[in-house]
Amino acid sequence: MKVTVIIPDELVRDVQILSNTRNITDAVIIALKNYIALQKLKEMGEAINERPLQFSCSAEEIRDLNRQHWTL
């Protein structure tokens, strides 16, 4: 997609330095991908907070199961 945007030079320069890219297109692509990944992580964190993981076995029971498995 071809887009015309106005982005402050310093912001673009910082992204290019941090992403180790030579051109603006690559820097913007990396910045957008990182933003999307960060938002997905935030959503996942919120989902886990709303419905935390629950284990049916205690840590000791899991250790015992692992020991049985690896001693066979």
Protein backbone atom coordinates (compact mmCIF):
# COMPACT_ATOMS: atom_id res chain seq x y z
CA MET A 1 0.00 0.00 0.00
CA LYS A 2 1.33 3.39 -0.87
CA VAL A 3 0.63 6.06 1.76
CA THR A 4 1.70 9.64 2.31
CA VAL A 5 2.09 10.56 5.97
CA ILE A 6 3.70 13.34 7.94
CA ILE A 7 5.98 11.89 10.63
CA PRO A 8 8.45 13.92 12.68
CA ASP A 9 12.02 13.43 11.41
CA GLU A 10 13.36 12.67 14.87
CA LEU A 11 10.80 9.90 15.38
CA VAL A 12 11.70 8.26 12.07
CA ARG A 13 15.40 8.63 12.80
CA ASP A 14 15.00 7.00 16.24
CA VAL A 15 13.07 4.07 14.76
CA GLN A 16 15.71 3.61 12.06
CA ILE A 17 18.49 3.59 14.65
CA LEU A 18 16.68 1.23 17.05
CA SER A 19 15.57 -1.13 14.29
CA ASN A 20 18.92 -0.94 12.47
CA THR A 21 17.25 -0.18 9.14
CA ARG A 22 18.51 1.99 6.32
CA ASN A 23 15.26 3.17 4.82
CA ILE A 24 12.06 4.65 6.16
CA THR A 25 9.80 1.95 4.73
CA ASP A 26 11.56 -0.85 6.62
CA ALA A 27 11.60 1.22 9.80
CA VAL A 28 7.85 1.91 9.60
CA ILE A 29 7.07 -1.75 8.86
CA ILE A 30 9.09 -2.87 11.89
CA ALA A 31 7.48 -0.22 14.10
CA LEU A 32 3.98 -1.25 13.01
CA LYS A 33 4.69 -4.96 13.51
CA ASN A 34 6.09 -4.28 16.97
CA TYR A 35 3.08 -2.17 17.88
CA ILE A 36 0.70 -4.93 16.78
CA ALA A 37 2.67 -7.56 18.73
CA LEU A 38 2.62 -5.38 21.85
CA GLN A 39 -1.14 -4.87 21.61
CA LYS A 40 -1.70 -8.61 21.21
CA LEU A 41 0.45 -9.28 24.30
CA LYS A 42 -1.58 -6.73 26.26
CA GLU A 43 -4.82 -8.40 25.17
CA MET A 44 -3.45 -11.81 26.16
CA GLY A 45 -2.39 -10.45 29.56
CA GLU A 46 -5.85 -8.99 30.14
CA ALA A 47 -7.47 -12.30 29.17
CA ILE A 48 -5.25 -14.18 31.62
CA ASN A 49 -6.07 -11.66 34.37
CA GLU A 50 -9.78 -12.11 33.72
CA ARG A 51 -9.53 -15.90 33.64
CA PRO A 52 -6.32 -17.12 35.31
CA LEU A 53 -4.85 -20.51 34.58
CA GLN A 54 -5.94 -23.20 37.00
CA PHE A 55 -4.07 -26.41 37.58
CA SER A 56 -5.74 -29.63 38.69
CA CYS A 57 -2.56 -31.05 40.26
CA SER A 58 -0.28 -29.66 42.92
CA ALA A 59 3.39 -29.03 42.20
CA GLU A 60 4.30 -32.11 44.24
CA GLU A 61 1.91 -34.30 42.22
CA ILE A 62 3.39 -33.02 38.96
CA ARG A 63 6.92 -33.72 40.24
CA ASP A 64 5.88 -37.27 41.16
CA LEU A 65 4.37 -37.82 37.72
CA ASN A 66 7.55 -36.54 36.06
CA ARG A 67 9.71 -38.81 38.19
CA GLN A 68 7.55 -41.83 37.28
CA HIS A 69 7.76 -40.94 33.59
CA TRP A 70 11.53 -40.50 33.53
CA THR A 71 12.36 -43.58 35.61
CA LEU A 72 10.64 -45.98 33.21
